[in-house]
C-alpha atoms as a PDB file:
ATOM      1  CA  MET A   1     -30.878 -14.099 -18.200  1.00  0.00           C
ATOM      2  CA  GLU A   2     -29.809 -10.859 -19.865  1.00  0.00           C
ATOM      3  CA  TRP A   3     -32.215  -8.997 -17.564  1.00  0.00           C
ATOM      4  CA  LEU A   4     -30.291 -10.430 -14.614  1.00  0.00           C
ATOM      5  CA  THR A   5     -26.737 -10.094 -15.954  1.00  0.00           C
ATOM      6  CA  ASP A   6     -26.833  -6.787 -17.870  1.00  0.00           C
ATOM      7  CA  PRO A   7     -26.440  -4.554 -14.782  1.00  0.00           C
ATOM      8  CA  PHE A   8     -23.210  -6.256 -13.732  1.00  0.00           C
ATOM      9  CA  GLU A   9     -21.520  -5.549 -17.067  1.00  0.00           C
ATOM     10  CA  ALA A  10     -20.991  -2.027 -15.756  1.00  0.00           C
ATOM     11  CA  SER A  11     -17.794  -1.916 -13.717  1.00  0.00           C
ATOM     12  CA  PHE A  12     -19.243   0.273 -10.967  1.00  0.00           C
ATOM     13  CA  VAL A  13     -22.148  -2.144 -10.465  1.00  0.00           C
ATOM     14  CA  ALA A  14     -19.742  -5.088 -10.333  1.00  0.00           C
ATOM     15  CA  ARG A  15     -17.732  -3.277  -7.652  1.00  0.00           C
ATOM     16  CA  ALA A  16     -20.969  -2.541  -5.813  1.00  0.00           C
ATOM     17  CA  LEU A  17     -21.808  -6.252  -5.872  1.00  0.00           C
ATOM     18  CA  TRP A  18     -18.453  -7.229  -4.395  1.00  0.00           C
ATOM     19  CA  GLY A  19     -18.745  -4.507  -1.789  1.00  0.00           C
ATOM     20  CA  GLY A  20     -22.239  -5.639  -0.882  1.00  0.00           C
ATOM     21  CA  LEU A  21     -21.138  -9.268  -0.600  1.00  0.00           C
ATOM     22  CA  LEU A  22     -18.326  -8.339   1.784  1.00  0.00           C
ATOM     23  CA  VAL A  23     -20.699  -6.236   3.878  1.00  0.00           C
ATOM     24  CA  ALA A  24     -23.266  -9.055   3.894  1.00  0.00           C
ATOM     25  CA  GLY A  25     -20.669 -11.429   5.315  1.00  0.00           C
ATOM     26  CA  THR A  26     -19.531  -8.957   7.972  1.00  0.00           C
ATOM     27  CA  CYS A  27     -23.100  -8.138   8.974  1.00  0.00           C
ATOM     28  CA  ALA A  28     -23.988 -11.832   9.167  1.00  0.00           C
ATOM     29  CA  LEU A  29     -21.211 -12.408  11.702  1.00  0.00           C
ATOM     30  CA  ALA A  30     -22.081  -9.409  13.851  1.00  0.00           C
ATOM     31  CA  GLY A  31     -25.842  -9.408  13.261  1.00  0.00           C
ATOM     32  CA  THR A  32     -26.224 -12.946  14.573  1.00  0.00           C
ATOM     33  CA  TRP A  33     -25.080 -11.772  18.002  1.00  0.00           C
ATOM     34  CA  VAL A  34     -27.210  -8.617  17.762  1.00  0.00           C
ATOM     35  CA  VAL A  35     -30.282 -10.806  17.262  1.00  0.00           C
ATOM     36  CA  LEU A  36     -29.381 -13.450  19.866  1.00  0.00           C
ATOM     37  CA  ARG A  37     -28.187 -10.949  22.471  1.00  0.00           C
ATOM     38  CA  GLY A  38     -31.004  -8.427  21.923  1.00  0.00           C
ATOM     39  CA  MET A  39     -28.670  -5.530  21.075  1.00  0.00           C
ATOM     40  CA  ALA A  40     -30.750  -3.963  18.299  1.00  0.00           C
ATOM     41  CA  PHE A  41     -31.313  -0.648  20.088  1.00  0.00           C
ATOM     42  CA  LEU A  42     -27.593  -0.253  20.838  1.00  0.00           C
ATOM     43  CA  GLY A  43     -26.706  -1.021  17.237  1.00  0.00           C
ATOM     44  CA  ASP A  44     -29.258   1.476  15.960  1.00  0.00           C
ATOM     45  CA  ALA A  45     -27.948   4.178  18.301  1.00  0.00           C
ATOM     46  CA  MET A  46     -24.349   3.506  17.280  1.00  0.00           C
ATOM     47  CA  SER A  47     -25.185   3.676  13.593  1.00  0.00           C
ATOM     48  CA  HIS A  48     -26.681   7.137  14.057  1.00  0.00           C
ATOM     49  CA  GLY A  49     -23.995   8.153  16.547  1.00  0.00           C
ATOM     50  CA  MET A  50     -21.416   7.998  13.747  1.00  0.00           C
ATOM     51  CA  LEU A  51     -22.766  11.240  12.244  1.00  0.00           C
ATOM     52  CA  PRO A  52     -20.502  13.670  14.206  1.00  0.00           C
ATOM     53  CA  GLY A  53     -17.348  11.771  13.265  1.00  0.00           C
ATOM     54  CA  VAL A  54     -18.294  11.454   9.612  1.00  0.00           C
ATOM     55  CA  ALA A  55     -19.321  15.122   9.444  1.00  0.00           C
ATOM     56  CA  LEU A  56     -16.038  16.292  10.966  1.00  0.00           C
ATOM     57  CA  ALA A  57     -13.987  13.990   8.748  1.00  0.00           C
ATOM     58  CA  SER A  58     -15.782  15.263   5.650  1.00  0.00           C
ATOM     59  CA  LEU A  59     -15.426  18.926   6.588  1.00  0.00           C
ATOM     60  CA  LEU A  60     -11.738  18.547   7.485  1.00  0.00           C
ATOM     61  CA  GLY A  61     -10.907  16.384   4.484  1.00  0.00           C
ATOM     62  CA  GLY A  62     -10.164  13.307   6.589  1.00  0.00           C
ATOM     63  CA  ASN A  63     -10.991   9.636   6.134  1.00  0.00           C
ATOM     64  CA  LEU A  64     -14.715   8.947   6.591  1.00  0.00           C
ATOM     65  CA  PHE A  65     -14.130   5.400   7.869  1.00  0.00           C
ATOM     66  CA  VAL A  66     -11.783   6.673  10.588  1.00  0.00           C
ATOM     67  CA  GLY A  67     -14.224   9.413  11.574  1.00  0.00           C
ATOM     68  CA  ALA A  68     -17.104   6.949  11.716  1.00  0.00           C
ATOM     69  CA  ALA A  69     -15.099   4.467  13.780  1.00  0.00           C
ATOM     70  CA  LEU A  70     -13.948   7.063  16.320  1.00  0.00           C
ATOM     71  CA  SER A  71     -17.475   8.424  16.699  1.00  0.00           C
ATOM     72  CA  ALA A  72     -18.973   4.947  17.136  1.00  0.00           C
ATOM     73  CA  VAL A  73     -16.342   4.061  19.745  1.00  0.00           C
ATOM     74  CA  ALA A  74     -17.073   7.311  21.586  1.00  0.00           C
ATOM     75  CA  MET A  75     -20.759   6.408  21.534  1.00  0.00           C
ATOM     76  CA  ALA A  76     -20.112   2.951  23.005  1.00  0.00           C
ATOM     77  CA  LEU A  77     -17.777   4.306  25.693  1.00  0.00           C
ATOM     78  CA  GLY A  78     -20.277   7.026  26.549  1.00  0.00           C
ATOM     79  CA  VAL A  79     -23.078   4.509  27.068  1.00  0.00           C
ATOM     80  CA  SER A  80     -20.840   2.436  29.318  1.00  0.00           C
ATOM     81  CA  ALA A  81     -19.764   5.494  31.328  1.00  0.00           C
ATOM     82  CA  VAL A  82     -23.302   6.815  31.849  1.00  0.00           C
ATOM     83  CA  THR A  83     -24.487   3.371  32.934  1.00  0.00           C
ATOM     84  CA  ARG A  84     -21.657   2.977  35.450  1.00  0.00           C
ATOM     85  CA  TRP A  85     -21.727   6.508  36.876  1.00  0.00           C
ATOM     86  CA  SER A  86     -25.488   6.719  37.360  1.00  0.00           C
ATOM     87  CA  ARG A  87     -28.366   4.500  38.326  1.00  0.00           C
ATOM     88  CA  LEU A  88     -29.908   4.797  34.875  1.00  0.00           C
ATOM     89  CA  SER A  89     -30.671   1.692  32.850  1.00  0.00           C
ATOM     90  CA  THR A  90     -28.659   0.838  29.759  1.00  0.00           C
ATOM     91  CA  ASP A  91     -31.620   1.662  27.493  1.00  0.00           C
ATOM     92  CA  THR A  92     -31.895   5.135  29.034  1.00  0.00           C
ATOM     93  CA  ALA A  93     -28.169   5.765  28.592  1.00  0.00           C
ATOM     94  CA  ILE A  94     -28.363   4.602  24.971  1.00  0.00           C
ATOM     95  CA  GLY A  95     -31.326   6.894  24.305  1.00  0.00           C
ATOM     96  CA  LEU A  96     -29.557   9.918  25.813  1.00  0.00           C
ATOM     97  CA  LEU A  97     -26.334   9.360  23.878  1.00  0.00           C
ATOM     98  CA  PHE A  98     -28.308   8.560  20.715  1.00  0.00           C
ATOM     99  CA  VAL A  99     -30.054  11.942  20.744  1.00  0.00           C
ATOM    100  CA  GLY A 100     -26.939  13.798  21.893  1.00  0.00           C
ATOM    101  CA  MET A 101     -24.661  12.411  19.188  1.00  0.00           C
ATOM    102  CA  LEU A 102     -27.281  12.848  16.479  1.00  0.00           C
ATOM    103  CA  ALA A 103     -27.885  16.462  17.551  1.00  0.00           C
ATOM    104  CA  LEU A 104     -24.142  17.161  17.588  1.00  0.00           C
ATOM    105  CA  GLY A 105     -23.829  15.730  14.101  1.00  0.00           C
ATOM    106  CA  VAL A 106     -26.651  17.903  12.772  1.00  0.00           C
ATOM    107  CA  ILE A 107     -25.049  20.978  14.376  1.00  0.00           C
ATOM    108  CA  ILE A 108     -21.737  20.212  12.684  1.00  0.00           C
ATOM    109  CA  VAL A 109     -23.492  19.645   9.359  1.00  0.00           C
ATOM    110  CA  SER A 110     -25.401  22.926   9.704  1.00  0.00           C
ATOM    111  CA  ARG A 111     -22.081  24.803   9.790  1.00  0.00           C
ATOM    112  CA  SER A 112     -21.417  23.781   6.209  1.00  0.00           C
ATOM    113  CA  GLN A 113     -23.450  24.721   3.164  1.00  0.00           C
ATOM    114  CA  SER A 114     -21.864  22.083   0.927  1.00  0.00           C
ATOM    115  CA  PHE A 115     -22.448  18.956   3.004  1.00  0.00           C
ATOM    116  CA  ALA A 116     -26.031  18.187   1.935  1.00  0.00           C
ATOM    117  CA  VAL A 117     -25.079  15.712  -0.805  1.00  0.00           C
ATOM    118  CA  ASP A 118     -22.508  13.971   1.400  1.00  0.00           C
ATOM    119  CA  LEU A 119     -25.070  13.753   4.200  1.00  0.00           C
ATOM    120  CA  THR A 120     -27.561  12.101   1.856  1.00  0.00           C
ATOM    121  CA  GLY A 121     -24.972   9.490   0.922  1.00  0.00           C
ATOM    122  CA  PHE A 122     -24.133   8.956   4.588  1.00  0.00           C
ATOM    123  CA  LEU A 123     -27.762   8.437   5.585  1.00  0.00           C
ATOM    124  CA  PHE A 124     -28.907   6.367   2.611  1.00  0.00           C
ATOM    125  CA  GLY A 125     -25.711   4.856   1.240  1.00  0.00           C
ATOM    126  CA  ASP A 126     -23.899   5.148  -2.081  1.00  0.00           C
ATOM    127  CA  VAL A 127     -23.066   1.587  -2.989  1.00  0.00           C
ATOM    128  CA  LEU A 128     -22.593   2.463  -6.668  1.00  0.00           C
ATOM    129  CA  ALA A 129     -19.709   4.744  -5.686  1.00  0.00           C
ATOM    130  CA  VAL A 130     -17.649   1.951  -4.086  1.00  0.00           C
ATOM    131  CA  ARG A 131     -14.039   2.199  -5.246  1.00  0.00           C
ATOM    132  CA  PRO A 132     -11.312  -0.471  -5.394  1.00  0.00           C
ATOM    133  CA  ALA A 133      -9.740   1.059  -2.264  1.00  0.00           C
ATOM    134  CA  ASP A 134     -13.079   0.706  -0.476  1.00  0.00           C
ATOM    135  CA  LEU A 135     -13.187  -2.988  -1.406  1.00  0.00           C
ATOM    136  CA  ALA A 136      -9.826  -3.478   0.285  1.00  0.00           C
ATOM    137  CA  VAL A 137     -11.143  -1.815   3.457  1.00  0.00           C
ATOM    138  CA  LEU A 138     -14.308  -3.927   3.370  1.00  0.00           C
ATOM    139  CA  ALA A 139     -12.280  -7.118   2.867  1.00  0.00           C
ATOM    140  CA  ALA A 140     -10.079  -6.222   5.846  1.00  0.00           C
ATOM    141  CA  ALA A 141     -13.186  -5.539   7.952  1.00  0.00           C
ATOM    142  CA  ALA A 142     -14.691  -8.898   6.945  1.00  0.00           C
ATOM    143  CA  ALA A 143     -11.453 -10.705   7.843  1.00  0.00           C
ATOM    144  CA  ALA A 144     -11.288  -8.925  11.211  1.00  0.00           C
ATOM    145  CA  ALA A 145     -14.937  -9.761  11.927  1.00  0.00           C
ATOM    146  CA  ALA A 146     -14.299 -13.426  11.100  1.00  0.00           C
ATOM    147  CA  ALA A 147     -11.272 -13.521  13.410  1.00  0.00           C
ATOM    148  CA  MET A 148     -13.177 -11.866  16.268  1.00  0.00           C
ATOM    149  CA  SER A 149     -16.110 -14.244  15.827  1.00  0.00           C
ATOM    150  CA  LEU A 150     -13.846 -17.282  15.813  1.00  0.00           C
ATOM    151  CA  LEU A 151     -11.743 -16.264  18.815  1.00  0.00           C
ATOM    152  CA  GLY A 152     -14.690 -15.095  20.889  1.00  0.00           C
ATOM    153  CA  HIS A 153     -17.214 -17.739  19.838  1.00  0.00           C
ATOM    154  CA  ARG A 154     -17.330 -19.661  23.122  1.00  0.00           C
ATOM    155  CA  ALA A 155     -17.582 -16.527  25.260  1.00  0.00           C
ATOM    156  CA  PHE A 156     -20.159 -14.955  22.919  1.00  0.00           C
ATOM    157  CA  VAL A 157     -22.379 -18.049  23.064  1.00  0.00           C
ATOM    158  CA  ALA A 158     -22.272 -18.146  26.856  1.00  0.00           C
ATOM    159  CA  LEU A 159     -22.948 -14.411  27.083  1.00  0.00           C
ATOM    160  CA  ALA A 160     -25.879 -14.567  24.662  1.00  0.00           C
ATOM    161  CA  PHE A 161     -27.684 -17.427  26.384  1.00  0.00           C
ATOM    162  CA  ASP A 162     -26.577 -17.347  30.051  1.00  0.00           C
ATOM    163  CA  PRO A 163     -24.350 -14.468  31.262  1.00  0.00           C
ATOM    164  CA  ARG A 164     -24.196 -15.916  34.800  1.00  0.00           C
ATOM    165  CA  LYS A 165     -22.840 -19.200  33.452  1.00  0.00           C
ATOM    166  CA  ALA A 166     -20.259 -17.257  31.490  1.00  0.00           C
ATOM    167  CA  GLN A 167     -19.078 -15.732  34.762  1.00  0.00           C
ATOM    168  CA  THR A 168     -19.003 -19.148  36.420  1.00  0.00           C
ATOM    169  CA  LEU A 169     -16.933 -20.602  33.579  1.00  0.00           C
ATOM    170  CA  GLY A 170     -14.425 -17.765  33.873  1.00  0.00           C
ATOM    171  CA  LEU A 171     -15.193 -16.418  30.388  1.00  0.00           C
ATOM    172  CA  ALA A 172     -15.020 -12.736  31.470  1.00  0.00           C
ATOM    173  CA  PRO A 173     -18.520 -11.623  30.407  1.00  0.00           C
ATOM    174  CA  ARG A 174     -17.638  -7.915  30.596  1.00  0.00           C
ATOM    175  CA  LEU A 175     -14.698  -8.385  28.253  1.00  0.00           C
ATOM    176  CA  ALA A 176     -16.839 -10.574  25.993  1.00  0.00           C
ATOM    177  CA  HIS A 177     -19.539  -7.890  25.907  1.00  0.00           C
ATOM    178  CA  THR A 178     -16.944  -5.269  25.001  1.00  0.00           C
ATOM    179  CA  ALA A 179     -15.611  -7.462  22.213  1.00  0.00           C
ATOM    180  CA  MET A 180     -19.147  -8.085  20.962  1.00  0.00           C
ATOM    181  CA  VAL A 181     -19.867  -4.357  20.888  1.00  0.00           C
ATOM    182  CA  GLY A 182     -16.600  -3.902  19.010  1.00  0.00           C
ATOM    183  CA  LEU A 183     -17.710  -6.486  16.450  1.00  0.00           C
ATOM    184  CA  VAL A 184     -21.035  -4.702  15.955  1.00  0.00           C
ATOM    185  CA  THR A 185     -19.219  -1.371  15.646  1.00  0.00           C
ATOM    186  CA  LEU A 186     -16.939  -2.842  12.993  1.00  0.00           C
ATOM    187  CA  ALA A 187     -19.902  -4.112  10.980  1.00  0.00           C
ATOM    188  CA  ILE A 188     -21.745  -0.785  11.177  1.00  0.00           C
ATOM    189  CA  VAL A 189     -18.702   1.283  10.218  1.00  0.00           C
ATOM    190  CA  ALA A 190     -17.963  -1.036   7.295  1.00  0.00           C
ATOM    191  CA  SER A 191     -21.574  -0.992   6.121  1.00  0.00           C
ATOM    192  CA  PHE A 192     -22.597   2.656   6.238  1.00  0.00           C
ATOM    193  CA  HIS A 193     -20.885   3.499   2.948  1.00  0.00           C
ATOM    194  CA  VAL A 194     -22.881   0.774   1.187  1.00  0.00           C
ATOM    195  CA  VAL A 195     -26.417   1.064   2.595  1.00  0.00           C
ATOM    196  CA  GLY A 196     -26.190   4.155   4.808  1.00  0.00           C
ATOM    197  CA  THR A 197     -26.764   4.482   8.519  1.00  0.00           C
ATOM    198  CA  LEU A 198     -30.557   4.638   8.269  1.00  0.00           C
ATOM    199  CA  LEU A 199     -30.654   1.373   6.334  1.00  0.00           C
ATOM    200  CA  VAL A 200     -27.727  -0.549   7.821  1.00  0.00           C
ATOM    201  CA  PHE A 201     -30.122  -2.664   9.869  1.00  0.00           C
ATOM    202  CA  GLY A 202     -31.473  -4.093   6.641  1.00  0.00           C
ATOM    203  CA  LEU A 203     -28.329  -6.225   6.374  1.00  0.00           C
ATOM    204  CA  LEU A 204     -27.344  -6.302  10.042  1.00  0.00           C
ATOM    205  CA  ILE A 205     -30.587  -7.692  11.469  1.00  0.00           C
ATOM    206  CA  ALA A 206     -32.937  -8.960   8.749  1.00  0.00           C
ATOM    207  CA  PRO A 207     -30.832 -11.914   7.398  1.00  0.00           C
ATOM    208  CA  PRO A 208     -29.802 -13.256  10.857  1.00  0.00           C
ATOM    209  CA  ALA A 209     -33.365 -12.827  12.154  1.00  0.00           C
ATOM    210  CA  ALA A 210     -34.706 -14.714   9.137  1.00  0.00           C
ATOM    211  CA  MET A 211     -32.272 -17.588   9.681  1.00  0.00           C
ATOM    212  CA  ALA A 212     -32.871 -17.689  13.455  1.00  0.00           C
ATOM    213  CA  LEU A 213     -36.385 -18.902  12.654  1.00  0.00           C
ATOM    214  CA  TRP A 214     -34.965 -22.016  10.975  1.00  0.00           C
ATOM    215  CA  ALA A 215     -31.500 -22.797  12.336  1.00  0.00           C
ATOM    216  CA  ARG A 216     -30.626 -23.706  15.929  1.00  0.00           C
ATOM    217  CA  ARG A 217     -26.834 -23.565  15.739  1.00  0.00           C
ATOM    218  CA  VAL A 218     -24.961 -20.264  15.649  1.00  0.00           C
ATOM    219  CA  PRO A 219     -22.661 -21.189  12.697  1.00  0.00           C
ATOM    220  CA  ALA A 220     -25.720 -22.226  10.660  1.00  0.00           C
ATOM    221  CA  ILE A 221     -27.412 -18.892  11.398  1.00  0.00           C
ATOM    222  CA  MET A 222     -24.274 -17.008  10.331  1.00  0.00           C
ATOM    223  CA  LEU A 223     -23.861 -18.979   7.109  1.00  0.00           C
ATOM    224  CA  GLY A 224     -27.525 -18.682   6.180  1.00  0.00           C
ATOM    225  CA  ALA A 225     -27.527 -14.970   7.013  1.00  0.00           C
ATOM    226  CA  ALA A 226     -24.506 -14.410   4.781  1.00  0.00           C
ATOM    227  CA  LEU A 227     -26.239 -16.195   1.900  1.00  0.00           C
ATOM    228  CA  LEU A 228     -29.467 -14.241   2.403  1.00  0.00           C
ATOM    229  CA  GLY A 229     -27.506 -10.994   2.597  1.00  0.00           C
ATOM    230  CA  ALA A 230     -25.681 -11.867  -0.611  1.00  0.00           C
ATOM    231  CA  ALA A 231     -28.982 -12.662  -2.339  1.00  0.00           C
ATOM    232  CA  ALA A 232     -30.478  -9.372  -1.130  1.00  0.00           C
ATOM    233  CA  THR A 233     -27.445  -7.489  -2.441  1.00  0.00           C
ATOM    234  CA  ALA A 234     -27.569  -9.052  -5.904  1.00  0.00           C
ATOM    235  CA  ALA A 235     -31.356  -8.779  -6.209  1.00  0.00           C
ATOM    236  CA  GLY A 236     -31.339  -5.209  -4.897  1.00  0.00           C
ATOM    237  CA  LEU A 237     -28.747  -4.108  -7.444  1.00  0.00           C
ATOM    238  CA  VAL A 238     -30.658  -5.723 -10.329  1.00  0.00           C
ATOM    239  CA  LEU A 239     -33.957  -4.177  -9.249  1.00  0.00           C
ATOM    240  CA  SER A 240     -32.447  -0.734  -8.684  1.00  0.00           C
ATOM    241  CA  TRP A 241     -30.823  -0.855 -12.139  1.00  0.00           C
ATOM    242  CA  HIS A 242     -34.050  -1.636 -13.976  1.00  0.00           C
ATOM    243  CA  LEU A 243     -36.411   0.384 -11.766  1.00  0.00           C
ATOM    244  CA  ASP A 244     -34.059   3.365 -11.413  1.00  0.00           C
ATOM    245  CA  THR A 245     -34.301   3.376  -7.618  1.00  0.00           C
ATOM    246  CA  ALA A 246     -31.738   4.041  -4.888  1.00  0.00           C
ATOM    247  CA  ALA A 247     -29.444   1.014  -4.764  1.00  0.00           C
ATOM    248  CA  GLY A 248     -28.724   0.984  -1.022  1.00  0.00           C
ATOM    249  CA  ALA A 249     -32.372   1.400  -0.093  1.00  0.00           C
ATOM    250  CA  THR A 250     -33.407  -1.309  -2.547  1.00  0.00           C
ATOM    251  CA  ILE A 251     -30.883  -3.747  -1.070  1.00  0.00           C
ATOM    252  CA  ALA A 252     -32.167  -3.044   2.443  1.00  0.00           C
ATOM    253  CA  ALA A 253     -35.791  -3.395   1.325  1.00  0.00           C
ATOM    254  CA  VAL A 254     -35.089  -6.774  -0.309  1.00  0.00           C
ATOM    255  CA  ALA A 255     -33.342  -7.971   2.873  1.00  0.00           C
ATOM    256  CA  VAL A 256     -36.341  -7.006   5.012  1.00  0.00           C
ATOM    257  CA  GLY A 257     -38.682  -8.588   2.466  1.00  0.00           C
ATOM    258  CA  LEU A 258     -36.743 -11.854   2.696  1.00  0.00           C
ATOM    259  CA  PHE A 259     -37.205 -11.788   6.467  1.00  0.00           C
ATOM    260  CA  PHE A 260     -40.986 -11.505   6.136  1.00  0.00           C
ATOM    261  CA  LEU A 261     -41.037 -14.337   3.605  1.00  0.00           C
ATOM    262  CA  SER A 262     -39.006 -16.458   6.027  1.00  0.00           C
ATOM    263  CA  ALA A 263     -41.328 -15.552   8.914  1.00  0.00           C
ATOM    264  CA  LEU A 264     -44.385 -16.449   6.840  1.00  0.00           C
ATOM    265  CA  ALA A 265     -42.869 -19.785   5.816  1.00  0.00           C
ATOM    266  CA  ALA A 266     -41.938 -20.518   9.435  1.00  0.00           C
ATOM    267  CA  ARG A 267     -45.495 -19.781  10.533  1.00  0.00           C
ATOM    268  CA  VAL A 268     -46.861 -22.205   7.934  1.00  0.00           C
ATOM    269  CA  ARG A 269     -44.338 -24.814   9.079  1.00  0.00           C
ATOM    270  CA  ASP A 270     -45.364 -24.428  12.734  1.00  0.00           C
ATOM    271  CA  HIS A 271     -49.077 -24.669  11.955  1.00  0.00           C
ATOM    272  CA  ARG A 272     -48.847 -27.906   9.986  1.00  0.00           C
ATOM    273  CA  PRO A 273     -48.169 -30.197  13.000  1.00  0.00           C
ATOM    274  CA  ALA A 274     -50.992 -28.536  14.926  1.00  0.00           C
ATOM    275  CA  ARG A 275     -53.437 -29.107  12.079  1.00  0.00           C
ATOM    276  CA  ALA A 276     -52.289 -32.693  11.659  1.00  0.00           C
ATOM    277  CA  ALA A 277     -52.762 -33.350  15.382  1.00  0.00           C
ATOM    278  CA  ALA A 278     -56.232 -31.796  15.325  1.00  0.00           C
ATOM    279  CA  ALA A 279     -57.247 -33.905  12.322  1.00  0.00           C
ATOM    280  CA  ALA A 280     -55.975 -37.160  13.835  1.00  0.00           C
ATOM    281  CA  PRO A 281     -58.735 -39.454  15.256  1.00  0.00           C
END
C-alpha cells in the first residue's frame, strides 16, 4: 500500500491527481461524442492547431489557456470556412489547416531562443506543475462541459447516429455540430497542460473507445470513460513516480493500454457464444 500511496504525499503530485481527474471527466464527456461521431481527425488537428496561440501567449506574457482557446477556435472556423467556400471535403480542409497552423506555430517558436522548454511542456504536458489556480480553471471547464453535454444531449445523440433525422426533428444539426466542436475544443484546451497536445488523445479517445465496446447507452459510456480516465491518471502518476518517467506520457500510455485490455476482453466475450454454438450437438 505504501508503494501506491507514497507518491501522493507530495503536494504537487496530489494537485496533479486532482487536475488529472478533472481532465478525465471533461475528456469523457467530449471524447464520447468524438468516438461516436467519428471526429478523431478534427480533434487531432485542433489539438495541434493550438500551437500558434500558445506560442504567442507565451512570448507576449499572456495567458496560455486563452491563447490555446483562441487558436483552437480559429482552427475550427477555418475548417468550416474552407469547406463552405470550396468544393473540398472536410478531411481535406482539416488537413490543410492542420499543416498550416502547425507550421505557423513552429515559425513563431523559431523566433524565440528561450521557448524550447515551454514547447516541450506544451507538446508532452507538465501535469506535475499544475497549480491551485489551474485546478480552478479545470474545474470550471469540467462544469461547462457537463452543462453543454446535458443541454445538448438530445441533439448530439441524433447528430451522432442519424443527422437527417436530427434535421427532421428540428434539432438544428448545424448548430448541434458547432456546439459539439465547441465541447471538443473545451476538452482539448483544458487537457493540453496536463498531458500535452501530442498525448491529449490518450484521455480524449482511449477511455470512451474502451467503454463503447461494452456499453450501449451514451451516459454509461461517459461514466465508464470517466472512471477509466481516473484510473489511468492515478496509475500513471504512481508509475511515473517510481519509474522516473514523464508523468503526462505515462498517463496517456496507461489509458491506451486500458483500451487494448478492454478490446481483448471484448474479443474473448464475443468468441465465447460462437464456440458454444459450434460445440452444441
